[in-house]
Protein backbone atom coordinates (compact mmCIF):
# COMPACT_ATOMS: atom_id res chain seq x y z
CA MET A 1 -12.05 -20.49 19.65
CA THR A 2 -9.72 -22.99 19.94
CA SER A 3 -6.84 -22.03 21.58
CA LEU A 4 -3.72 -19.43 19.72
CA PRO A 5 -0.83 -21.22 17.83
CA THR A 6 2.85 -21.07 19.81
CA SER A 7 5.73 -19.73 18.89
CA GLU A 8 7.18 -22.90 18.45
CA SER A 9 3.96 -24.16 15.98
CA LEU A 10 4.47 -20.67 14.11
CA LEU A 11 8.55 -21.32 13.74
CA THR A 12 7.00 -24.76 12.26
CA LEU A 13 4.41 -23.32 10.12
CA ALA A 14 7.02 -20.51 8.54
CA ARG A 15 10.17 -22.79 7.73
CA SER A 16 7.75 -25.27 5.77
CA ALA A 17 6.28 -22.11 3.85
CA LEU A 18 9.45 -20.73 3.26
CA ALA A 19 10.92 -23.92 2.01
CA ALA A 20 7.91 -24.52 -0.35
CA CYS A 21 8.44 -21.08 -2.10
CA GLY A 22 12.42 -21.96 -2.38
CA ALA A 23 13.64 -19.33 -0.14
CA ASN A 24 16.44 -21.06 2.35
CA VAL A 25 16.47 -19.06 5.55
CA ALA A 26 17.97 -20.54 8.62
CA LEU A 27 15.48 -18.88 10.78
CA THR A 28 17.66 -19.63 13.96
CA SER A 29 20.54 -17.18 13.94
CA GLY A 30 21.19 -13.38 12.96
CA SER A 31 20.86 -9.84 13.83
CA HIS A 32 17.16 -9.43 12.74
CA SER A 33 14.94 -10.58 15.05
CA VAL A 34 11.55 -12.22 13.74
CA ARG A 35 8.19 -11.53 15.42
CA SER A 36 4.41 -12.37 15.19
CA PRO A 37 1.38 -10.35 15.91
CA ILE A 38 -0.46 -13.43 16.60
CA ASN A 39 1.08 -13.92 20.28
CA GLY A 40 3.87 -10.71 20.16
CA LEU A 41 6.55 -13.20 20.74
CA GLN A 42 9.89 -13.58 18.89
CA PHE A 43 10.15 -17.24 17.08
CA GLY A 44 13.31 -16.67 15.01
CA SER A 45 15.74 -14.54 13.50
CA VAL A 46 17.48 -13.88 10.46
CA ALA A 47 20.69 -12.10 9.20
CA GLY A 48 20.14 -8.46 8.18
CA LEU A 49 22.45 -5.67 6.77
CA ASN A 50 25.75 -6.17 9.09
CA GLY A 51 28.54 -6.18 6.58
CA ALA A 52 31.71 -4.34 6.80
CA GLY A 53 31.45 -0.78 6.08
CA GLY A 54 28.12 -0.18 7.45
CA ASN A 55 24.45 0.00 5.78
CA GLU A 56 25.78 2.45 3.63
CA LEU A 57 28.49 0.40 1.64
CA THR A 58 25.71 -2.47 1.56
CA VAL A 59 23.24 -0.29 -0.18
CA ASP A 60 26.20 1.02 -2.54
CA ILE A 61 26.83 -2.47 -3.62
CA ALA A 62 23.06 -3.23 -4.12
CA VAL A 63 22.52 0.18 -6.33
CA GLU A 64 25.97 -0.65 -8.21
CA ARG A 65 24.42 -3.85 -9.03
CA ALA A 66 21.28 -2.88 -10.26
CA THR A 67 22.73 -0.10 -12.55
CA ALA A 68 25.16 -2.51 -14.35
CA ALA A 69 21.61 -5.01 -14.23
CA PHE A 70 19.83 -1.89 -16.18
CA ALA A 71 22.47 -1.69 -18.24
CA THR A 72 21.13 -4.70 -20.39
CA TRP A 73 17.33 -4.81 -19.46
CA ARG A 74 16.65 -1.23 -20.54
CA THR A 75 17.54 -2.48 -24.50
CA THR A 76 15.58 -5.55 -23.76
CA PRO A 77 12.11 -5.08 -25.67
CA ALA A 78 9.36 -5.08 -23.07
CA PRO A 79 7.25 -8.04 -23.88
CA ARG A 80 10.76 -9.80 -23.51
CA ARG A 81 10.98 -8.14 -20.00
CA ALA A 82 7.51 -9.07 -19.11
CA GLU A 83 8.24 -13.06 -19.27
CA VAL A 84 9.60 -12.53 -15.69
CA VAL A 85 6.69 -11.51 -14.35
CA ARG A 86 4.69 -13.67 -16.41
CA HIS A 87 6.95 -16.20 -14.73
CA LEU A 88 6.43 -14.69 -11.35
CA ALA A 89 2.47 -14.73 -11.72
CA ALA A 90 2.56 -18.49 -12.58
CA LEU A 91 4.41 -19.11 -9.38
CA LEU A 92 2.59 -17.14 -6.90
CA ARG A 93 -0.42 -19.19 -8.19
CA GLU A 94 1.07 -22.14 -7.09
CA HIS A 95 2.16 -21.23 -4.17
CA ILE A 96 -0.45 -18.77 -2.71
CA GLY A 97 -1.35 -20.41 0.12
CA ASP A 98 2.08 -20.67 1.38
CA LEU A 99 3.10 -17.29 0.62
CA ALA A 100 -0.10 -16.38 2.68
CA THR A 101 0.84 -18.33 5.37
CA ILE A 102 4.03 -16.33 5.89
CA VAL A 103 2.11 -12.83 5.54
CA SER A 104 -0.69 -14.07 8.55
CA ILE A 105 2.02 -15.01 10.65
CA GLU A 106 4.25 -11.54 10.46
CA ALA A 107 1.45 -9.12 9.67
CA GLY A 108 -1.53 -10.92 11.73
CA LYS A 109 -3.59 -10.82 8.62
CA ILE A 110 -7.05 -13.36 8.56
CA ARG A 111 -6.65 -16.10 6.03
CA SER A 112 -8.77 -14.44 3.58
CA GLU A 113 -7.13 -11.25 3.45
CA ALA A 114 -3.47 -12.79 3.41
CA LEU A 115 -4.90 -14.90 0.17
CA GLY A 116 -6.75 -11.90 -1.06
CA GLU A 117 -3.27 -9.89 -0.69
CA VAL A 118 -1.48 -12.60 -2.50
CA GLN A 119 -4.25 -12.38 -5.02
CA GLU A 120 -3.49 -8.89 -5.49
CA MET A 121 0.08 -9.75 -6.67
CA ILE A 122 -1.10 -12.04 -9.19
CA ASP A 123 -3.58 -9.56 -10.46
CA ILE A 124 -1.02 -6.92 -10.85
CA CYS A 125 1.96 -9.52 -12.61
CA ASP A 126 -1.11 -10.01 -15.07
CA TYR A 127 -1.92 -6.29 -15.37
CA ALA A 128 1.74 -5.56 -16.00
CA VAL A 129 2.27 -8.59 -18.99
CA GLY A 130 -0.70 -6.63 -20.76
CA LEU A 131 0.99 -3.35 -20.07
CA SER A 132 4.40 -4.57 -21.54
CA ARG A 133 2.43 -4.76 -24.92
CA THR A 134 0.58 -1.34 -24.77
CA MET A 135 3.12 1.38 -23.47
CA GLY A 136 3.23 4.06 -25.71
CA GLY A 137 3.22 7.62 -26.60
CA HIS A 138 1.50 10.04 -28.69
CA THR A 139 2.02 11.28 -31.97
CA MET A 140 1.04 14.84 -32.50
CA ALA A 141 0.31 17.27 -35.86
CA SER A 142 3.35 19.36 -36.38
CA GLU A 143 3.02 22.81 -37.92
CA ARG A 144 6.17 22.07 -40.25
CA PRO A 145 5.67 20.41 -43.08
CA GLY A 146 8.05 16.93 -43.83
CA HIS A 147 8.04 16.44 -39.83
CA ARG A 148 6.99 14.07 -37.55
CA LEU A 149 6.21 15.21 -33.81
CA MET A 150 5.87 12.42 -31.22
CA GLU A 151 6.88 10.89 -27.50
CA THR A 152 9.05 8.20 -26.53
CA TRP A 153 9.23 6.88 -22.95
CA HIS A 154 12.34 5.19 -21.63
CA PRO A 155 13.34 3.50 -18.69
CA ILE A 156 14.91 5.75 -16.04
CA GLY A 157 17.62 3.26 -13.72
CA PRO A 158 17.18 1.42 -10.14
CA VAL A 159 14.05 2.18 -8.31
CA GLY A 160 13.81 1.95 -4.31
CA VAL A 161 10.95 0.52 -2.71
CA ILE A 162 9.99 0.99 0.63
CA SER A 163 7.10 -0.82 2.06
CA ALA A 164 5.35 -0.96 5.26
CA PHE A 165 4.00 -4.10 7.25
CA ASN A 166 0.11 -3.55 6.71
CA PHE A 167 0.83 -5.01 2.91
CA PRO A 168 4.10 -6.75 3.11
CA VAL A 169 3.73 -7.64 -0.40
CA ALA A 170 1.15 -6.34 -2.64
CA VAL A 171 3.31 -3.01 -2.69
CA TRP A 172 6.08 -4.45 -3.17
CA SER A 173 4.55 -6.31 -6.33
CA TRP A 174 2.93 -2.96 -7.47
CA ASN A 175 6.14 -1.55 -8.04
CA THR A 176 8.06 -4.13 -8.88
CA THR A 177 6.15 -5.84 -11.65
CA ILE A 178 5.63 -2.39 -13.44
CA ALA A 179 9.06 -1.18 -12.96
CA LEU A 180 10.18 -4.62 -14.42
CA VAL A 181 8.32 -4.19 -17.64
CA CYS A 182 9.10 -0.48 -18.15
CA GLY A 183 12.74 -1.59 -17.90
CA ASN A 184 13.88 -1.00 -14.00
CA PRO A 185 15.66 -2.81 -11.74
CA VAL A 186 14.10 -2.64 -8.15
CA ILE A 187 15.83 -2.84 -4.73
CA TRP A 188 13.42 -3.40 -2.04
CA LYS A 189 13.99 -2.41 2.36
CA PRO A 190 10.51 -4.14 3.49
CA SER A 191 9.57 -3.48 6.70
CA GLU A 192 11.65 -4.91 9.82
CA LEU A 193 8.60 -6.23 11.13
CA THR A 194 7.74 -8.43 7.79
CA PRO A 195 11.30 -9.78 6.86
CA LEU A 196 10.03 -13.23 5.92
CA THR A 197 7.50 -12.16 3.18
CA ALA A 198 10.37 -10.28 1.48
CA LEU A 199 12.58 -13.12 1.45
CA ALA A 200 9.77 -15.56 0.61
CA SER A 201 8.49 -12.91 -2.54
CA GLN A 202 12.05 -12.76 -3.19
CA ALA A 203 13.01 -16.34 -3.32
CA LEU A 204 9.93 -16.74 -5.96
CA TYR A 205 11.31 -13.86 -7.97
CA GLU A 206 14.28 -15.38 -8.28
CA ARG A 207 13.01 -18.42 -9.66
CA ALA A 208 11.01 -16.43 -12.18
CA ALA A 209 13.89 -14.81 -13.29
CA ALA A 210 15.97 -17.76 -13.70
CA LEU A 211 12.84 -19.41 -15.78
CA ALA A 212 13.37 -16.15 -17.97
CA GLY A 213 16.65 -16.04 -18.58
CA ALA A 214 16.46 -12.55 -17.10
CA PRO A 215 19.70 -10.85 -16.11
CA ALA A 216 21.40 -11.23 -12.41
CA HIS A 217 20.34 -8.22 -9.65
CA LEU A 218 17.06 -7.23 -11.18
CA SER A 219 15.38 -7.59 -7.72
CA GLN A 220 17.23 -7.24 -4.16
CA VAL A 221 16.16 -6.97 -1.05
CA LEU A 222 17.77 -4.96 2.21
CA LEU A 223 16.55 -6.12 5.25
CA GLY A 224 17.49 -3.62 7.79
CA GLY A 225 16.27 -0.77 9.87
CA ALA A 226 15.50 3.08 9.40
CA ASP A 227 19.12 3.88 8.44
CA VAL A 228 18.91 1.04 5.37
CA GLY A 229 16.07 3.08 3.97
CA ALA A 230 17.65 6.40 4.88
CA ALA A 231 20.78 5.42 2.76
CA LEU A 232 18.72 3.95 -0.02
CA VAL A 233 16.63 7.29 -0.20
CA ALA A 234 19.94 9.27 -0.22
CA HIS A 235 21.59 7.73 -3.16
CA PRO A 236 21.92 9.58 -5.86
CA GLY A 237 21.92 6.32 -8.02
CA VAL A 238 18.65 5.58 -7.11
CA ALA A 239 16.15 7.37 -9.71
CA LEU A 240 12.93 6.73 -8.29
CA ILE A 241 11.82 5.79 -4.25
CA SER A 242 8.36 4.64 -3.71
CA ALA A 243 7.66 4.57 -0.04
CA THR A 244 4.83 3.39 1.82
CA GLY A 245 4.48 4.80 5.64
CA SER A 246 3.84 7.45 7.77
CA THR A 247 3.08 11.41 6.94
CA ALA A 248 6.06 11.62 9.66
CA MET A 249 8.37 9.47 7.42
CA GLY A 250 7.03 11.25 4.33
CA ALA A 251 8.25 14.58 5.46
CA ARG A 252 11.53 13.14 6.14
CA VAL A 253 12.05 11.06 2.85
CA ALA A 254 10.87 13.99 0.98
CA PRO A 255 12.99 16.52 1.28
CA VAL A 256 16.25 14.12 0.69
CA ILE A 257 15.10 13.09 -2.42
CA ALA A 258 13.92 16.64 -4.08
CA ALA A 259 17.87 17.79 -2.53
CA ARG A 260 18.91 15.26 -4.74
CA PHE A 261 16.17 15.67 -7.81
CA GLY A 262 15.21 12.28 -7.50
CA ARG A 263 11.72 10.99 -7.76
CA SER A 264 9.01 9.88 -5.23
CA ILE A 265 6.04 8.12 -5.20
CA LEU A 266 5.00 8.51 -1.66
CA GLU A 267 1.94 6.87 -0.53
CA LEU A 268 1.42 7.97 3.59
CA GLY A 269 -1.28 8.59 6.08
CA GLY A 270 -4.83 8.33 5.41
CA ASN A 271 -7.88 9.57 7.79
CA ASN A 272 -10.68 8.61 5.27
CA ALA A 273 -14.33 9.03 5.51
CA ALA A 274 -17.71 7.69 4.48
CA ILE A 275 -20.75 9.86 4.30
CA VAL A 276 -24.17 8.49 4.90
CA ALA A 277 -26.49 9.87 2.95
CA PRO A 278 -30.59 10.34 3.96
CA SER A 279 -31.11 7.91 0.85
CA ALA A 280 -28.33 5.51 1.57
CA ASP A 281 -29.25 1.67 1.61
CA ALA A 282 -28.88 0.77 5.17
CA GLU A 283 -27.76 -2.81 4.76
CA LEU A 284 -25.34 -1.66 1.84
CA ALA A 285 -23.64 1.11 4.44
CA VAL A 286 -23.68 -1.18 7.02
CA ARG A 287 -21.63 -3.57 5.29
CA GLY A 288 -19.28 -1.79 3.48
CA ILE A 289 -18.98 0.48 6.90
CA THR A 290 -18.02 -2.45 8.96
CA PHE A 291 -15.35 -4.14 6.44
CA SER A 292 -14.01 -0.95 5.75
CA ALA A 293 -13.51 -0.09 9.24
CA ALA A 294 -13.12 -3.12 11.05
CA GLY A 295 -11.23 -5.32 8.34
CA THR A 296 -7.24 -5.55 9.00
CA ALA A 297 -7.66 -4.54 12.64
CA GLY A 298 -8.04 -1.11 11.20
CA GLN A 299 -4.59 -1.09 9.48
CA ARG A 300 -4.81 -0.08 6.01
CA CYS A 301 -4.38 3.39 5.12
CA THR A 302 -7.29 3.17 3.09
CA THR A 303 -9.05 1.92 6.78
CA LEU A 304 -12.51 4.05 7.22
CA ARG A 305 -12.14 6.08 10.47
CA ARG A 306 -14.63 8.69 10.04
CA VAL A 307 -18.30 8.12 9.14
CA ILE A 308 -20.21 11.33 8.34
CA VAL A 309 -24.01 10.56 8.54
CA HIS A 310 -26.90 12.69 8.07
CA ASN A 311 -29.20 13.27 11.00
CA SER A 312 -31.80 11.45 10.21
CA ARG A 313 -30.36 7.95 9.72
CA HIS A 314 -27.75 8.99 12.85
CA ASP A 315 -29.40 6.98 15.63
CA GLU A 316 -30.34 4.15 12.80
CA LEU A 317 -26.81 3.63 11.40
CA ILE A 318 -25.13 3.54 15.11
CA GLU A 319 -27.56 0.82 16.43
CA ARG A 320 -26.88 -1.05 13.30
CA LEU A 321 -23.36 -0.54 13.55
CA ALA A 322 -22.91 -1.27 17.16
CA ALA A 323 -24.92 -4.84 16.63
CA ALA A 324 -22.45 -5.80 14.05
CA TYR A 325 -19.10 -4.90 16.02
CA ALA A 326 -20.64 -6.42 18.94
CA THR A 327 -20.27 -9.86 17.44
CA LEU A 328 -17.26 -9.47 15.45
CA PRO A 329 -15.41 -12.80 16.02
CA VAL A 330 -11.97 -11.08 16.91
CA GLY A 331 -8.50 -13.74 17.72
CA ASN A 332 -6.21 -16.36 15.83
CA PRO A 333 -5.97 -15.14 12.03
CA PHE A 334 -5.91 -18.80 11.10
CA GLU A 335 -9.23 -19.58 12.36
CA PRO A 336 -11.66 -19.59 9.60
CA SER A 337 -14.33 -17.60 11.34
CA THR A 338 -12.00 -15.00 12.55
CA LEU A 339 -12.68 -11.36 11.06
CA VAL A 340 -10.48 -9.65 13.22
CA GLY A 341 -6.89 -10.51 13.90
CA PRO A 342 -4.60 -8.43 16.14
CA LEU A 343 -2.93 -5.10 16.16
CA ILE A 344 0.67 -5.35 14.86
CA ASN A 345 2.05 -4.51 18.39
CA THR A 346 0.59 -3.32 21.89
CA ILE A 347 2.37 0.19 20.91
CA ALA A 348 -0.51 0.30 18.29
CA PHE A 349 -3.42 -0.75 21.25
CA ASP A 350 -1.73 1.97 23.24
CA LYS A 351 -2.22 4.40 20.63
CA MET A 352 -5.81 3.40 20.05
CA SER A 353 -6.42 3.94 23.57
CA THR A 354 -4.89 7.50 24.05
CA ALA A 355 -7.33 8.28 21.08
CA ILE A 356 -10.67 6.69 22.54
CA SER A 357 -9.33 8.74 26.24
CA ALA A 358 -8.96 12.32 24.01
CA ALA A 359 -12.04 11.47 22.14
CA THR A 360 -14.24 11.24 25.44
CA ALA A 361 -12.75 14.15 26.54
CA ASP A 362 -13.72 16.13 23.51
CA GLY A 363 -17.32 15.23 24.24
CA GLY A 364 -16.98 12.21 22.32
CA HIS A 365 -19.54 8.84 23.42
CA LEU A 366 -17.88 5.10 23.32
CA ILE A 367 -20.91 3.22 22.14
CA VAL A 368 -18.80 -0.34 21.48
CA GLY A 369 -15.20 -1.87 21.70
CA GLY A 370 -11.79 -0.52 22.26
CA GLU A 371 -11.32 -3.27 25.18
CA ARG A 372 -8.13 -5.23 25.36
CA LEU A 373 -9.49 -9.11 24.69
CA LEU A 374 -7.25 -12.22 24.62
CA LEU A 375 -4.87 -11.22 27.61
CA ASP A 376 -4.98 -14.72 29.33
CA GLN A 377 -3.58 -16.28 26.15
CA ALA A 378 -1.42 -13.74 24.59
CA PRO A 379 -0.47 -10.99 27.37
CA HIS A 380 2.24 -9.74 24.87
CA ALA A 381 -0.13 -9.35 21.81
CA ALA A 382 -2.51 -6.78 21.29
CA TYR A 383 -6.30 -8.12 20.21
CA THR A 384 -8.91 -5.57 20.82
CA ARG A 385 -12.70 -5.07 19.61
CA PRO A 386 -13.32 -2.48 16.96
CA ALA A 387 -14.38 0.63 18.59
CA ILE A 388 -17.09 3.35 17.88
CA VAL A 389 -17.25 6.64 19.00
CA THR A 390 -19.58 9.17 18.11
CA MET A 391 -18.28 12.77 18.08
CA PRO A 392 -20.10 16.49 18.33
CA ALA A 393 -17.43 17.99 16.43
CA GLN A 394 -14.45 16.92 14.24
CA THR A 395 -12.03 17.90 16.84
CA ALA A 396 -7.80 17.34 16.89
CA ILE A 397 -8.39 13.71 18.11
CA VAL A 398 -10.29 12.74 14.90
CA ALA A 399 -8.27 14.64 12.22
CA THR A 400 -5.65 12.43 13.47
CA GLU A 401 -5.36 9.23 11.57
CA THR A 402 -5.06 6.61 14.38
CA PHE A 403 -3.38 2.84 13.06
CA ALA A 404 -6.18 0.89 14.44
CA PRO A 405 -9.62 -0.08 14.89
CA LEU A 406 -11.36 3.14 15.59
CA LEU A 407 -14.12 4.99 14.08
CA TYR A 408 -15.74 8.26 14.30
CA VAL A 409 -19.12 9.21 13.75
CA MET A 410 -20.37 12.46 13.17
CA ARG A 411 -23.53 14.15 11.84
CA TYR A 412 -24.23 16.49 9.56
CA ASP A 413 -27.33 18.44 8.07
CA ASP A 414 -26.71 19.29 4.42
CA LEU A 415 -24.43 17.93 1.76
CA ASP A 416 -22.01 20.97 1.69
CA GLN A 417 -21.73 20.67 5.47
CA ALA A 418 -20.93 16.86 5.26
CA ILE A 419 -18.10 17.56 1.93
CA ALA A 420 -16.64 20.07 4.34
CA LEU A 421 -16.20 17.53 6.99
CA GLN A 422 -15.09 15.19 4.55
CA ASN A 423 -12.64 17.56 3.43
CA GLY A 424 -11.51 19.14 6.41
CA VAL A 425 -8.39 16.64 7.40
CA PRO A 426 -4.79 16.78 6.40
CA GLN A 427 -5.10 13.57 4.40
CA GLY A 428 -6.40 12.94 1.21
CA LEU A 429 -6.31 9.71 0.53
CA ALA A 430 -9.84 7.51 0.33
CA SER A 431 -13.62 8.38 0.73
CA SER A 432 -16.68 7.43 -0.30
CA ILE A 433 -20.29 8.44 0.14
CA PHE A 434 -23.38 5.86 0.46
CA THR A 435 -26.79 7.13 -1.72
CA THR A 436 -28.96 6.42 -3.90
CA ASP A 437 -29.26 10.11 -5.02
CA VAL A 438 -27.38 10.78 -8.20
CA ARG A 439 -26.80 13.88 -8.17
CA GLU A 440 -25.14 13.58 -4.90
CA ALA A 441 -23.07 10.99 -6.26
CA GLU A 442 -21.91 12.84 -9.09
CA ARG A 443 -21.31 15.89 -6.80
CA PHE A 444 -18.90 14.22 -4.43
CA CYS A 445 -16.79 12.93 -7.36
CA ALA A 446 -17.09 16.27 -9.04
CA ALA A 447 -14.05 18.97 -8.46
CA ASP A 448 -16.64 20.67 -5.83
CA GLY A 449 -16.82 17.48 -3.79
CA SER A 450 -14.22 14.81 -2.48
CA ASP A 451 -10.45 16.12 -2.56
CA CYS A 452 -9.16 12.81 -2.19
CA GLY A 453 -7.39 10.27 -4.89
CA ILE A 454 -10.15 7.98 -3.92
CA ALA A 455 -13.69 8.81 -4.27
CA ASN A 456 -16.10 5.66 -3.98
CA VAL A 457 -20.29 5.44 -4.30
CA ASN A 458 -22.00 2.87 -2.39
CA ILE A 459 -18.63 1.24 -1.12
CA GLY A 460 -16.60 2.14 1.54
CA PRO A 461 -12.97 3.68 0.82
CA SER A 462 -10.94 0.47 1.12
CA GLY A 463 -10.63 -2.76 -1.26
CA ALA A 464 -8.92 -0.74 -3.96
CA GLU A 465 -8.58 -2.75 -7.34
CA ILE A 466 -5.59 -3.23 -9.30
CA GLY A 467 -6.81 -1.38 -12.14
CA GLY A 468 -7.12 1.74 -11.27
CA ALA A 469 -4.05 4.57 -10.34
CA PHE A 470 -3.64 4.39 -6.46
CA GLY A 471 -2.58 6.99 -4.37
CA GLY A 472 -3.94 10.58 -2.37
CA GLU A 473 -3.32 14.21 -2.09
CA LYS A 474 -2.25 16.75 0.68
CA THR A 475 -0.34 14.87 3.22
CA THR A 476 -0.78 11.62 1.78
CA GLY A 477 1.93 12.45 -0.07
CA GLY A 478 0.84 12.27 -3.87
CA GLY A 479 2.14 10.24 -6.68
CA ARG A 480 0.26 7.23 -8.25
CA GLU A 481 0.99 3.44 -7.99
CA SER A 482 -0.83 -0.06 -10.01
CA GLY A 483 -3.37 0.74 -12.70
CA SER A 484 -4.00 3.12 -15.24
CA ASP A 485 -1.06 5.19 -16.37
CA ALA A 486 1.00 4.97 -12.97
CA TRP A 487 3.66 3.31 -15.35
CA LYS A 488 4.56 6.94 -16.47
CA ALA A 489 6.36 7.18 -13.34
CA TYR A 490 8.95 4.44 -13.72
CA MET A 491 9.92 5.92 -17.17
CA ARG A 492 10.98 9.31 -18.28
CA ARG A 493 9.63 10.88 -21.69
CA ALA A 494 11.33 12.35 -24.53
CA THR A 495 9.55 14.20 -27.19
CA ASN A 496 11.08 13.58 -30.81
CA THR A 497 10.95 15.59 -33.90
CA VAL A 498 11.68 13.91 -36.76
CA ASN A 499 12.42 15.84 -40.18
CA TYR A 500 11.89 13.56 -43.32
CA SER A 501 11.98 16.52 -46.01
CA ASN A 502 14.75 18.20 -47.70
CA ASP A 503 13.76 21.36 -46.00
CA LEU A 504 14.70 22.89 -42.75
CA PRO A 505 11.72 24.92 -41.86
CA LEU A 506 11.52 26.66 -38.12
CA ALA A 507 8.63 26.54 -35.91
CA GLN A 508 6.53 29.61 -34.91
CA GLY A 509 7.48 30.34 -38.19
CA VAL A 510 10.96 32.27 -37.41
CA GLN A 511 13.51 33.16 -39.99
CA PHE A 512 16.76 32.70 -39.87
CA VAL A 513 19.20 32.59 -42.78
């Protein structure tokens, strides 16, 4: 493996990629530091929110501008709104490599995953453009003669998007493209760990908006910490908050939004499991588990964190997984051979180590991984080999999400027990089963099967496509983003009764003269 890039080389890469996207960012002065998990060091800084009057005033200005843009945008026909998204897709295709470079620098993703995240942005743009010509309500049969009963959908107003570091651009695009074609402006508060990806994405959007002749301030970016997000959440002029982060963050955000009768989409913690049944295809299961558990260095909300394997397949599965894990290339995310990049910071590694200690104290056995790597090259970064711990039971630490490549493996005797283990955690985002038994597959997806928002068969729980609605249940927060009918969250429904007769019959046969 070649040496890790220096801060100077990362700065040069970032400057070049930002310039290609059209983002005019100095990267040499400002209150907001820019760090890379690749070496754990600061390599630049940008201006955050530091205007007179504090963050609340800055958020106020953003909401005021968005509200003004909304007045024009909500009456613009949806296919016309989609023009800005169509131009954004074209620019993303042109600059997929540039934006992926910034994603790798700030989030530590390997090259293929960074490119995949930008491709996901392109996919949701294409989806939103098509959606702009298919959104519509139902026409229902009226009980009154000469009447038509129907529903119509209308924009709701400014949408606030709060995103996390692990998908620094895709989550913004999920929300923004759909919100825009639905007629709503967007105010984005990105993770304070990934400001450059936000600035590059915004620059590409502004180029698209100019090409489409869209009103100003349909998309705005607010850089800053938790106080900026809190001000956005509390603002009565923001119709919908779509927030991605920890369950603890959601517990703080939800009551504030509810108190002002706002809307929310909360994509919070996941503690995702895969059941490996007696009939499972071993090769398929090992490949699916390895990617889902070790990909993105275990830092996806849909990362596989628990494997529930039938007793008859346990030893075989552990042997094959341990062999796969032992050879996973860990290191520089820009190297084509690397499959596992760094954790976002050393705090994440410390939490992983603490969880492994708690698991072994509960009777678990560390099979492979968990050690710190590349300390000689990057003492301030957090590289680790993904870990597997076999557990005798689903203890408290297993039921707690650790945002790192840490996989717990437990045994089961029958499918009812496996499903109970799968469902026996507070989180309810993603799940999967590896089986060639059609009865088991159908049971897993049925009402008495997985209780998660995502239930997969013969693939892992991660790697969702944009065509399906994305989201979870229980402490994962609720609400859906991306495909299917998730667009309805960004609109308000009106039920319309149109009387085209000369009479005025009342519903339910009521007589009132």
